[in-house]
Amino acid sequence: MRESNITRKTKETSVTVRLHLDQTVPANIQSGIGFFDHMLDLLAKHGRLGLALQCQGDLQVDNHHSVEDIGIALGQAIKEALGDKKGIVRYATTFTPMDEALSRVVIDLSGRGYLVYQAMLPVEKIGDFETETLKEFLQALAVNAGMNLHIQVEYGDNGHHMVEAIFKGLGRALYQASRIDPGIDGCLSTKGIL
């Protein structure tokens, strides 16, 4: 059972994450940020994840602390659920369209957290979501999951569509990279460990 439970409490936020990599159930997400809930729901749906996530944060300040701390906790949950990573495919590349927008997401579940982010979003806010926090979320997710993550929006005009293409692509890539292939003996690495 590749699952995890993570709780993160700071003076700014309280985040709980329950994650199951192999059991698709309707997501239960309450971040306090409507558009972000929608994006995390897309991540869970396209990643075929069992995901329950709650956050109470200092949204009276701004979105930053909640969005970043959710990235930290979700990244930790992914790392814990992957366990020793024996038999996982490890790599994935997805191109995901959303109307006029196209994202490319490339993942290596190497154990080394790194983010390359190339997306010029045309708006500062989508609903109540501050778009500059997207990079902070992805950075926290990549570092805490031990994931090499490359994200590029190839093109697009509508900010909502561009971000949606990212989250759908991220879910699809995470699903593919985390699959267990019975033909892989141990870890897919010449080091013998990930």
N, C-alpha and C. Protein backbone atom coordinates (compact mmCIF):
# COMPACT_ATOMS: atom_id res chain seq x y z
N MET A 1 0.85 -1.18 0.00
CA MET A 1 0.00 0.00 0.00
C MET A 1 0.88 1.24 0.00
N ARG A 2 0.87 1.98 -1.09
CA ARG A 2 1.71 3.18 -1.21
C ARG A 2 0.87 4.39 -0.81
N GLU A 3 0.90 4.65 0.50
CA GLU A 3 0.09 5.73 1.03
C GLU A 3 0.86 6.46 2.12
N SER A 4 0.37 7.64 2.47
CA SER A 4 1.04 8.44 3.49
C SER A 4 0.05 9.39 4.14
N ASN A 5 0.42 9.83 5.34
CA ASN A 5 -0.31 10.85 6.09
C ASN A 5 0.71 11.85 6.60
N ILE A 6 0.53 13.10 6.26
CA ILE A 6 1.47 14.16 6.65
C ILE A 6 0.69 15.28 7.33
N THR A 7 1.23 15.77 8.42
CA THR A 7 0.70 16.95 9.09
C THR A 7 1.82 17.96 9.23
N ARG A 8 1.54 19.21 8.86
CA ARG A 8 2.52 20.29 8.99
C ARG A 8 1.82 21.46 9.67
N LYS A 9 2.37 21.87 10.83
CA LYS A 9 1.80 23.00 11.56
C LYS A 9 2.87 24.04 11.80
N THR A 10 2.56 25.27 11.44
CA THR A 10 3.45 26.39 11.72
C THR A 10 2.60 27.50 12.33
N LYS A 11 3.20 28.62 12.63
CA LYS A 11 2.44 29.76 13.14
C LYS A 11 1.57 30.38 12.04
N GLU A 12 1.84 30.00 10.79
CA GLU A 12 1.11 30.58 9.65
C GLU A 12 0.07 29.65 9.05
N THR A 13 0.31 28.33 9.13
CA THR A 13 -0.60 27.37 8.50
C THR A 13 -0.70 26.08 9.30
N SER A 14 -1.77 25.35 9.02
CA SER A 14 -1.93 23.98 9.51
C SER A 14 -2.41 23.17 8.31
N VAL A 15 -1.59 22.20 7.88
CA VAL A 15 -1.87 21.42 6.67
C VAL A 15 -1.87 19.94 7.01
N THR A 16 -2.89 19.23 6.53
CA THR A 16 -2.91 17.77 6.63
C THR A 16 -3.12 17.21 5.22
N VAL A 17 -2.38 16.15 4.92
CA VAL A 17 -2.47 15.49 3.61
C VAL A 17 -2.56 13.99 3.83
N ARG A 18 -3.55 13.36 3.22
CA ARG A 18 -3.63 11.90 3.11
C ARG A 18 -3.54 11.57 1.64
N LEU A 19 -2.58 10.71 1.29
CA LEU A 19 -2.33 10.41 -0.12
C LEU A 19 -2.23 8.91 -0.32
N HIS A 20 -2.86 8.44 -1.39
CA HIS A 20 -2.74 7.04 -1.81
C HIS A 20 -2.41 7.05 -3.30
N LEU A 21 -1.26 6.48 -3.67
CA LEU A 21 -0.81 6.51 -5.06
C LEU A 21 -1.55 5.52 -5.95
N ASP A 22 -2.19 4.52 -5.37
CA ASP A 22 -2.78 3.45 -6.17
C ASP A 22 -4.28 3.29 -5.97
N GLN A 23 -4.92 4.25 -5.38
CA GLN A 23 -6.35 4.14 -5.13
C GLN A 23 -7.02 5.45 -5.53
N THR A 24 -7.80 5.41 -6.58
CA THR A 24 -8.50 6.60 -7.02
C THR A 24 -9.81 6.72 -6.25
N VAL A 25 -9.94 7.81 -5.54
CA VAL A 25 -11.19 8.15 -4.85
C VAL A 25 -11.45 9.62 -5.11
N PRO A 26 -12.69 10.06 -4.98
CA PRO A 26 -12.93 11.49 -5.18
C PRO A 26 -12.07 12.31 -4.21
N ALA A 27 -11.40 13.31 -4.74
CA ALA A 27 -10.52 14.15 -3.91
C ALA A 27 -11.36 14.96 -2.94
N ASN A 28 -10.77 15.21 -1.78
CA ASN A 28 -11.38 16.06 -0.76
C ASN A 28 -10.36 17.13 -0.42
N ILE A 29 -10.51 18.30 -1.04
CA ILE A 29 -9.48 19.34 -0.93
C ILE A 29 -10.11 20.64 -0.44
N GLN A 30 -9.51 21.17 0.62
CA GLN A 30 -9.97 22.44 1.19
C GLN A 30 -8.76 23.26 1.59
N SER A 31 -8.30 24.09 0.67
CA SER A 31 -7.14 24.94 0.94
C SER A 31 -7.53 26.33 1.42
N GLY A 32 -8.80 26.68 1.23
CA GLY A 32 -9.24 28.04 1.50
C GLY A 32 -9.08 28.96 0.31
N ILE A 33 -8.53 28.43 -0.79
CA ILE A 33 -8.29 29.21 -2.01
C ILE A 33 -9.01 28.48 -3.14
N GLY A 34 -10.14 29.01 -3.57
CA GLY A 34 -11.02 28.31 -4.50
C GLY A 34 -10.36 27.80 -5.76
N PHE A 35 -9.64 28.66 -6.47
CA PHE A 35 -9.01 28.24 -7.72
C PHE A 35 -7.94 27.17 -7.46
N PHE A 36 -7.20 27.30 -6.36
CA PHE A 36 -6.17 26.33 -6.03
C PHE A 36 -6.80 24.97 -5.72
N ASP A 37 -7.96 24.97 -5.02
CA ASP A 37 -8.68 23.72 -4.79
C ASP A 37 -9.00 23.04 -6.12
N HIS A 38 -9.46 23.83 -7.08
CA HIS A 38 -9.80 23.30 -8.40
C HIS A 38 -8.57 22.69 -9.07
N MET A 39 -7.42 23.34 -8.97
CA MET A 39 -6.20 22.83 -9.59
C MET A 39 -5.71 21.56 -8.90
N LEU A 40 -5.78 21.53 -7.58
CA LEU A 40 -5.36 20.32 -6.84
C LEU A 40 -6.30 19.16 -7.13
N ASP A 41 -7.58 19.46 -7.33
CA ASP A 41 -8.54 18.43 -7.71
C ASP A 41 -8.19 17.86 -9.09
N LEU A 42 -7.78 18.73 -10.02
CA LEU A 42 -7.34 18.27 -11.35
C LEU A 42 -6.09 17.40 -11.23
N LEU A 43 -5.15 17.81 -10.39
CA LEU A 43 -3.93 17.03 -10.16
C LEU A 43 -4.29 15.63 -9.68
N ALA A 44 -5.19 15.55 -8.71
CA ALA A 44 -5.60 14.25 -8.17
C ALA A 44 -6.32 13.41 -9.21
N LYS A 45 -7.23 14.04 -9.96
CA LYS A 45 -8.02 13.30 -10.96
C LYS A 45 -7.12 12.73 -12.06
N HIS A 46 -6.26 13.57 -12.62
CA HIS A 46 -5.42 13.13 -13.73
C HIS A 46 -4.23 12.30 -13.25
N GLY A 47 -3.87 12.42 -11.98
CA GLY A 47 -2.84 11.57 -11.40
C GLY A 47 -3.39 10.29 -10.82
N ARG A 48 -4.72 10.15 -10.86
CA ARG A 48 -5.42 8.99 -10.31
C ARG A 48 -5.00 8.73 -8.86
N LEU A 49 -4.99 9.81 -8.10
CA LEU A 49 -4.55 9.78 -6.71
C LEU A 49 -5.74 9.77 -5.77
N GLY A 50 -5.59 9.06 -4.66
CA GLY A 50 -6.49 9.25 -3.54
C GLY A 50 -5.91 10.40 -2.73
N LEU A 51 -6.55 11.56 -2.73
CA LEU A 51 -5.98 12.74 -2.07
C LEU A 51 -7.02 13.44 -1.22
N ALA A 52 -6.68 13.58 0.05
CA ALA A 52 -7.46 14.42 0.96
C ALA A 52 -6.48 15.45 1.52
N LEU A 53 -6.84 16.71 1.41
CA LEU A 53 -5.94 17.79 1.82
C LEU A 53 -6.75 18.92 2.44
N GLN A 54 -6.35 19.33 3.63
CA GLN A 54 -6.97 20.47 4.29
C GLN A 54 -5.87 21.43 4.73
N CYS A 55 -6.17 22.71 4.60
CA CYS A 55 -5.24 23.74 5.05
C CYS A 55 -6.02 24.88 5.68
N GLN A 56 -5.56 25.30 6.84
CA GLN A 56 -6.04 26.53 7.45
C GLN A 56 -4.82 27.45 7.53
N GLY A 57 -4.89 28.56 6.81
CA GLY A 57 -3.74 29.45 6.74
C GLY A 57 -4.11 30.90 6.93
N ASP A 58 -3.09 31.72 6.98
CA ASP A 58 -3.27 33.16 7.20
C ASP A 58 -3.60 33.87 5.89
N LEU A 59 -4.73 33.51 5.33
CA LEU A 59 -5.13 34.07 4.04
C LEU A 59 -5.45 35.56 4.12
N GLN A 60 -5.61 36.08 5.33
CA GLN A 60 -5.81 37.51 5.47
C GLN A 60 -4.53 38.28 5.11
N VAL A 61 -3.39 37.58 5.13
CA VAL A 61 -2.11 38.18 4.71
C VAL A 61 -2.02 38.10 3.19
N ASP A 62 -1.97 36.87 2.67
CA ASP A 62 -2.02 36.57 1.24
C ASP A 62 -2.02 35.07 1.08
N ASN A 63 -1.88 34.58 -0.14
CA ASN A 63 -1.91 33.13 -0.43
C ASN A 63 -0.59 32.42 -0.16
N HIS A 64 0.50 33.18 -0.11
CA HIS A 64 1.84 32.61 -0.19
C HIS A 64 2.09 31.49 0.82
N HIS A 65 1.84 31.73 2.10
CA HIS A 65 2.17 30.73 3.11
C HIS A 65 1.38 29.45 2.91
N SER A 66 0.10 29.58 2.62
CA SER A 66 -0.73 28.38 2.42
C SER A 66 -0.28 27.59 1.20
N VAL A 67 -0.08 28.28 0.08
CA VAL A 67 0.29 27.59 -1.16
C VAL A 67 1.65 26.90 -1.00
N GLU A 68 2.63 27.58 -0.44
CA GLU A 68 3.95 26.98 -0.27
C GLU A 68 3.91 25.82 0.71
N ASP A 69 3.21 25.97 1.84
CA ASP A 69 3.17 24.90 2.83
C ASP A 69 2.40 23.69 2.32
N ILE A 70 1.40 23.90 1.48
CA ILE A 70 0.73 22.77 0.83
C ILE A 70 1.71 22.05 -0.08
N GLY A 71 2.54 22.79 -0.81
CA GLY A 71 3.57 22.17 -1.65
C GLY A 71 4.55 21.34 -0.83
N ILE A 72 4.96 21.87 0.32
CA ILE A 72 5.87 21.14 1.21
C ILE A 72 5.22 19.84 1.68
N ALA A 73 4.00 19.94 2.22
CA ALA A 73 3.33 18.77 2.78
C ALA A 73 2.99 17.73 1.71
N LEU A 74 2.52 18.19 0.55
CA LEU A 74 2.20 17.24 -0.53
C LEU A 74 3.46 16.58 -1.05
N GLY A 75 4.55 17.33 -1.16
CA GLY A 75 5.82 16.74 -1.57
C GLY A 75 6.28 15.67 -0.58
N GLN A 76 6.18 15.96 0.71
CA GLN A 76 6.55 14.97 1.73
C GLN A 76 5.67 13.73 1.64
N ALA A 77 4.38 13.94 1.35
CA ALA A 77 3.46 12.81 1.23
C ALA A 77 3.83 11.93 0.03
N ILE A 78 4.19 12.55 -1.09
CA ILE A 78 4.60 11.79 -2.27
C ILE A 78 5.85 10.98 -1.96
N LYS A 79 6.83 11.62 -1.34
CA LYS A 79 8.09 10.93 -1.00
C LYS A 79 7.83 9.74 -0.09
N GLU A 80 7.02 9.94 0.93
CA GLU A 80 6.73 8.86 1.87
C GLU A 80 5.97 7.73 1.18
N ALA A 81 4.99 8.07 0.35
CA ALA A 81 4.19 7.04 -0.32
C ALA A 81 5.01 6.23 -1.32
N LEU A 82 6.01 6.84 -1.93
CA LEU A 82 6.87 6.12 -2.89
C LEU A 82 7.78 5.11 -2.20
N GLY A 83 8.04 5.30 -0.92
CA GLY A 83 8.87 4.36 -0.17
C GLY A 83 10.25 4.21 -0.76
N ASP A 84 10.70 2.96 -0.97
CA ASP A 84 12.05 2.70 -1.48
C ASP A 84 12.13 2.83 -3.00
N LYS A 85 11.01 3.07 -3.66
CA LYS A 85 10.92 3.31 -5.11
C LYS A 85 11.30 2.10 -5.96
N LYS A 86 11.37 0.94 -5.36
CA LYS A 86 11.71 -0.26 -6.14
C LYS A 86 10.65 -0.53 -7.19
N GLY A 87 11.11 -0.71 -8.42
CA GLY A 87 10.23 -1.07 -9.52
C GLY A 87 9.52 0.09 -10.20
N ILE A 88 9.70 1.34 -9.70
CA ILE A 88 8.97 2.43 -10.35
C ILE A 88 9.60 2.78 -11.69
N VAL A 89 8.78 3.26 -12.60
CA VAL A 89 9.23 3.66 -13.93
C VAL A 89 10.20 4.84 -13.84
N ARG A 90 10.00 5.72 -12.89
CA ARG A 90 10.87 6.82 -12.53
C ARG A 90 10.70 8.07 -13.39
N TYR A 91 10.68 7.95 -14.70
CA TYR A 91 10.63 9.09 -15.61
C TYR A 91 9.26 9.19 -16.28
N ALA A 92 8.89 10.42 -16.63
CA ALA A 92 7.68 10.63 -17.44
C ALA A 92 7.76 11.99 -18.11
N THR A 93 7.17 12.06 -19.29
CA THR A 93 7.04 13.32 -20.03
C THR A 93 5.62 13.39 -20.55
N THR A 94 4.96 14.52 -20.28
CA THR A 94 3.61 14.70 -20.80
C THR A 94 3.49 16.06 -21.48
N PHE A 95 2.77 16.08 -22.57
CA PHE A 95 2.31 17.31 -23.21
C PHE A 95 0.81 17.33 -23.01
N THR A 96 0.30 18.42 -22.46
CA THR A 96 -1.13 18.48 -22.13
C THR A 96 -1.74 19.76 -22.67
N PRO A 97 -2.71 19.63 -23.58
CA PRO A 97 -3.40 20.82 -24.08
C PRO A 97 -4.57 21.19 -23.19
N MET A 98 -4.85 22.47 -23.14
CA MET A 98 -6.08 22.99 -22.54
C MET A 98 -6.51 24.14 -23.43
N ASP A 99 -7.40 23.86 -24.34
CA ASP A 99 -7.82 24.83 -25.36
C ASP A 99 -6.60 25.39 -26.08
N GLU A 100 -6.32 26.69 -25.99
CA GLU A 100 -5.21 27.28 -26.75
C GLU A 100 -3.85 27.11 -26.07
N ALA A 101 -3.84 26.59 -24.85
CA ALA A 101 -2.60 26.46 -24.07
C ALA A 101 -2.05 25.04 -24.15
N LEU A 102 -0.73 24.92 -24.07
CA LEU A 102 -0.07 23.62 -24.07
C LEU A 102 1.04 23.62 -23.05
N SER A 103 1.03 22.63 -22.16
CA SER A 103 2.10 22.48 -21.17
C SER A 103 2.94 21.26 -21.48
N ARG A 104 4.20 21.35 -21.07
CA ARG A 104 5.10 20.19 -21.09
C ARG A 104 5.59 19.99 -19.66
N VAL A 105 5.39 18.79 -19.13
CA VAL A 105 5.84 18.45 -17.78
C VAL A 105 6.72 17.22 -17.87
N VAL A 106 7.92 17.33 -17.31
CA VAL A 106 8.88 16.23 -17.32
C VAL A 106 9.29 15.96 -15.87
N ILE A 107 9.23 14.69 -15.48
CA ILE A 107 9.52 14.30 -14.09
C ILE A 107 10.57 13.20 -14.07
N ASP A 108 11.47 13.30 -13.10
CA ASP A 108 12.37 12.21 -12.72
C ASP A 108 12.25 12.07 -11.21
N LEU A 109 11.73 10.95 -10.75
CA LEU A 109 11.60 10.69 -9.31
C LEU A 109 12.93 10.16 -8.77
N SER A 110 13.94 10.97 -8.92
CA SER A 110 15.33 10.59 -8.66
C SER A 110 15.73 10.66 -7.20
N GLY A 111 14.96 11.37 -6.39
CA GLY A 111 15.38 11.65 -5.02
C GLY A 111 16.08 12.99 -4.90
N ARG A 112 16.33 13.63 -6.04
CA ARG A 112 16.99 14.94 -6.05
C ARG A 112 15.96 15.99 -6.48
N GLY A 113 15.60 16.84 -5.54
CA GLY A 113 14.60 17.86 -5.81
C GLY A 113 15.18 19.01 -6.60
N TYR A 114 14.53 19.32 -7.72
CA TYR A 114 14.98 20.44 -8.55
C TYR A 114 13.82 20.88 -9.42
N LEU A 115 13.66 22.18 -9.59
CA LEU A 115 12.60 22.72 -10.43
C LEU A 115 13.17 23.60 -11.52
N VAL A 116 12.71 23.37 -12.75
CA VAL A 116 12.90 24.30 -13.85
C VAL A 116 11.48 24.73 -14.25
N TYR A 117 11.22 26.02 -14.19
CA TYR A 117 9.86 26.55 -14.40
C TYR A 117 9.92 27.65 -15.43
N GLN A 118 9.22 27.42 -16.55
CA GLN A 118 9.17 28.41 -17.61
C GLN A 118 7.71 28.61 -18.02
N ALA A 119 7.10 29.60 -17.39
CA ALA A 119 5.70 29.91 -17.68
C ALA A 119 5.48 31.39 -17.44
N MET A 120 5.15 32.11 -18.48
CA MET A 120 4.85 33.53 -18.38
C MET A 120 3.33 33.69 -18.35
N LEU A 121 2.79 33.74 -17.13
CA LEU A 121 1.34 33.86 -16.99
C LEU A 121 0.91 35.31 -17.21
N PRO A 122 -0.17 35.52 -17.96
CA PRO A 122 -0.55 36.88 -18.35
C PRO A 122 -1.34 37.65 -17.30
N VAL A 123 -1.63 37.02 -16.15
CA VAL A 123 -2.44 37.66 -15.12
C VAL A 123 -1.79 37.49 -13.75
N GLU A 124 -2.08 38.41 -12.83
CA GLU A 124 -1.54 38.34 -11.48
C GLU A 124 -2.40 37.49 -10.56
N LYS A 125 -3.70 37.42 -10.86
CA LYS A 125 -4.62 36.62 -10.04
C LYS A 125 -5.59 35.88 -10.95
N ILE A 126 -5.95 34.68 -10.51
CA ILE A 126 -7.03 33.92 -11.13
C ILE A 126 -7.99 33.60 -9.99
N GLY A 127 -9.16 34.20 -10.01
CA GLY A 127 -10.03 34.10 -8.84
C GLY A 127 -9.32 34.71 -7.66
N ASP A 128 -9.18 33.94 -6.59
CA ASP A 128 -8.47 34.42 -5.40
C ASP A 128 -7.05 33.85 -5.30
N PHE A 129 -6.56 33.26 -6.38
CA PHE A 129 -5.22 32.66 -6.41
C PHE A 129 -4.21 33.63 -7.00
N GLU A 130 -3.16 33.92 -6.25
CA GLU A 130 -2.09 34.81 -6.70
C GLU A 130 -1.11 33.98 -7.54
N THR A 131 -1.05 34.24 -8.83
CA THR A 131 -0.33 33.37 -9.75
C THR A 131 1.17 33.32 -9.49
N GLU A 132 1.75 34.35 -8.86
CA GLU A 132 3.18 34.28 -8.56
C GLU A 132 3.50 33.19 -7.54
N THR A 133 2.49 32.71 -6.81
CA THR A 133 2.74 31.64 -5.84
C THR A 133 2.82 30.26 -6.50
N LEU A 134 2.44 30.15 -7.75
CA LEU A 134 2.50 28.85 -8.43
C LEU A 134 3.93 28.30 -8.43
N LYS A 135 4.90 29.14 -8.76
CA LYS A 135 6.29 28.68 -8.76
C LYS A 135 6.72 28.25 -7.36
N GLU A 136 6.26 28.97 -6.33
CA GLU A 136 6.61 28.60 -4.94
C GLU A 136 6.05 27.23 -4.59
N PHE A 137 4.81 26.96 -5.02
CA PHE A 137 4.21 25.65 -4.79
C PHE A 137 5.02 24.55 -5.47
N LEU A 138 5.35 24.76 -6.74
CA LEU A 138 6.07 23.74 -7.50
C LEU A 138 7.48 23.52 -6.96
N GLN A 139 8.14 24.59 -6.52
CA GLN A 139 9.48 24.47 -5.92
C GLN A 139 9.41 23.64 -4.64
N ALA A 140 8.46 23.97 -3.77
CA ALA A 140 8.30 23.23 -2.51
C ALA A 140 7.95 21.77 -2.78
N LEU A 141 7.08 21.53 -3.75
CA LEU A 141 6.68 20.17 -4.10
C LEU A 141 7.89 19.37 -4.59
N ALA A 142 8.64 19.94 -5.54
CA ALA A 142 9.79 19.23 -6.12
C ALA A 142 10.85 18.90 -5.08
N VAL A 143 11.20 19.87 -4.26
CA VAL A 143 12.26 19.67 -3.27
C VAL A 143 11.84 18.63 -2.23
N ASN A 144 10.62 18.72 -1.75
CA ASN A 144 10.19 17.82 -0.68
C ASN A 144 9.83 16.43 -1.17
N ALA A 145 9.45 16.30 -2.44
CA ALA A 145 9.19 14.97 -3.01
C ALA A 145 10.48 14.30 -3.47
N GLY A 146 11.57 15.08 -3.60
CA GLY A 146 12.79 14.54 -4.20
C GLY A 146 12.58 14.27 -5.68
N MET A 147 11.96 15.24 -6.33
CA MET A 147 11.53 15.09 -7.72
C MET A 147 12.25 16.13 -8.58
N ASN A 148 12.85 15.69 -9.66
CA ASN A 148 13.37 16.61 -10.66
C ASN A 148 12.19 16.95 -11.55
N LEU A 149 11.79 18.23 -11.57
CA LEU A 149 10.56 18.63 -12.20
C LEU A 149 10.81 19.79 -13.16
N HIS A 150 10.51 19.57 -14.43
CA HIS A 150 10.64 20.60 -15.45
C HIS A 150 9.25 20.91 -15.98
N ILE A 151 8.88 22.18 -15.91
CA ILE A 151 7.56 22.61 -16.37
C ILE A 151 7.72 23.78 -17.33
N GLN A 152 7.08 23.65 -18.47
CA GLN A 152 7.11 24.73 -19.45
C GLN A 152 5.72 24.86 -20.06
N VAL A 153 5.24 26.10 -20.12
CA VAL A 153 4.04 26.36 -20.90
C VAL A 153 4.53 26.75 -22.28
N GLU A 154 4.29 25.88 -23.24
CA GLU A 154 4.79 26.08 -24.60
C GLU A 154 4.16 27.33 -25.23
N TYR A 155 2.85 27.50 -25.00
CA TYR A 155 2.15 28.68 -25.46
C TYR A 155 0.78 28.72 -24.82
N GLY A 156 0.12 29.87 -24.92
CA GLY A 156 -1.21 30.05 -24.37
C GLY A 156 -1.49 31.53 -24.18
N ASP A 157 -2.75 31.87 -24.08
CA ASP A 157 -3.17 33.25 -23.87
C ASP A 157 -3.94 33.44 -22.58
N ASN A 158 -4.71 32.43 -22.19
CA ASN A 158 -5.60 32.51 -21.05
C ASN A 158 -4.89 31.93 -19.82
N GLY A 159 -4.72 32.74 -18.77
CA GLY A 159 -4.01 32.29 -17.58
C GLY A 159 -4.62 31.06 -16.94
N HIS A 160 -5.95 31.02 -16.86
CA HIS A 160 -6.63 29.85 -16.29
C HIS A 160 -6.28 28.59 -17.08
N HIS A 161 -6.34 28.67 -18.39
CA HIS A 161 -6.04 27.51 -19.23
C HIS A 161 -4.58 27.08 -19.08
N MET A 162 -3.67 28.05 -18.98
CA MET A 162 -2.25 27.74 -18.86
C MET A 162 -1.95 27.00 -17.55
N VAL A 163 -2.51 27.48 -16.46
CA VAL A 163 -2.29 26.83 -15.15
C VAL A 163 -2.98 25.47 -15.12
N GLU A 164 -4.16 25.38 -15.71
CA GLU A 164 -4.86 24.10 -15.75
C GLU A 164 -4.06 23.07 -16.54
N ALA A 165 -3.46 23.46 -17.64
CA ALA A 165 -2.62 22.54 -18.41
C ALA A 165 -1.44 22.06 -17.58
N ILE A 166 -0.87 22.92 -16.74
CA ILE A 166 0.24 22.53 -15.87
C ILE A 166 -0.22 21.46 -14.88
N PHE A 167 -1.32 21.71 -14.18
CA PHE A 167 -1.75 20.77 -13.14
C PHE A 167 -2.22 19.44 -13.72
N LYS A 168 -2.92 19.46 -14.85
CA LYS A 168 -3.31 18.20 -15.48
C LYS A 168 -2.08 17.43 -15.93
N GLY A 169 -1.13 18.13 -16.54
CA GLY A 169 0.10 17.48 -16.98
C GLY A 169 0.92 16.94 -15.83
N LEU A 170 0.97 17.69 -14.74
CA LEU A 170 1.70 17.23 -13.55
C LEU A 170 1.08 15.95 -13.00
N GLY A 171 -0.23 15.92 -12.94
CA GLY A 171 -0.90 14.69 -12.48
C GLY A 171 -0.61 13.51 -13.38
N ARG A 172 -0.71 13.72 -14.69
CA ARG A 172 -0.46 12.64 -15.63
C ARG A 172 0.99 12.15 -15.55
N ALA A 173 1.94 13.08 -15.44
CA ALA A 173 3.35 12.69 -15.37
C ALA A 173 3.65 11.96 -14.07
N LEU A 174 3.09 12.44 -12.97
CA LEU A 174 3.31 11.77 -11.69
C LEU A 174 2.74 10.35 -11.71
N TYR A 175 1.57 10.19 -12.29
CA TYR A 175 0.99 8.85 -12.41
C TYR A 175 1.92 7.93 -13.19
N GLN A 176 2.40 8.38 -14.34
CA GLN A 176 3.25 7.54 -15.19
C GLN A 176 4.58 7.20 -14.51
N ALA A 177 5.22 8.20 -13.92
CA ALA A 177 6.54 7.99 -13.32
C ALA A 177 6.48 7.10 -12.08
N SER A 178 5.36 7.13 -11.37
CA SER A 178 5.26 6.38 -10.11
C SER A 178 4.74 4.96 -10.29
N ARG A 179 4.36 4.59 -11.54
CA ARG A 179 3.87 3.23 -11.78
C ARG A 179 4.97 2.21 -11.51
N ILE A 180 4.57 1.06 -11.00
CA ILE A 180 5.51 -0.04 -10.79
C ILE A 180 5.49 -0.93 -12.01
N ASP A 181 6.67 -1.18 -12.56
CA ASP A 181 6.85 -2.05 -13.72
C ASP A 181 7.50 -3.34 -13.22
N PRO A 182 6.80 -4.48 -13.30
CA PRO A 182 7.35 -5.74 -12.79
C PRO A 182 8.64 -6.16 -13.50
N GLY A 183 8.91 -5.56 -14.67
CA GLY A 183 10.15 -5.88 -15.40
C GLY A 183 11.37 -5.15 -14.86
N ILE A 184 11.17 -4.21 -13.94
CA ILE A 184 12.30 -3.48 -13.36
C ILE A 184 12.75 -4.20 -12.10
N ASP A 185 14.00 -4.63 -12.09
CA ASP A 185 14.56 -5.34 -10.95
C ASP A 185 15.19 -4.31 -10.01
N GLY A 186 14.59 -4.12 -8.84
CA GLY A 186 15.10 -3.14 -7.89
C GLY A 186 14.76 -1.73 -8.35
N CYS A 187 15.75 -0.83 -8.23
CA CYS A 187 15.55 0.56 -8.65
C CYS A 187 16.13 0.78 -10.03
N LEU A 188 15.50 1.64 -10.80
CA LEU A 188 15.95 1.96 -12.15
C LEU A 188 17.09 2.98 -12.05
N SER A 189 18.23 2.49 -11.59
CA SER A 189 19.41 3.32 -11.41
C SER A 189 20.64 2.43 -11.32
N THR A 190 21.72 2.86 -11.95
CA THR A 190 22.96 2.10 -11.86
C THR A 190 23.54 2.16 -10.45
N LYS A 191 23.08 3.14 -9.65
CA LYS A 191 23.53 3.23 -8.26
C LYS A 191 22.88 2.15 -7.39
N GLY A 192 21.72 1.65 -7.84
CA GLY A 192 21.01 0.64 -7.06
C GLY A 192 20.07 1.24 -6.03
N ILE A 193 20.00 2.56 -5.98
CA ILE A 193 19.16 3.24 -5.01
C ILE A 193 18.72 4.58 -5.60
N LEU A 194 17.52 4.99 -5.24
CA LEU A 194 17.01 6.31 -5.64
C LEU A 194 16.77 7.12 -4.38
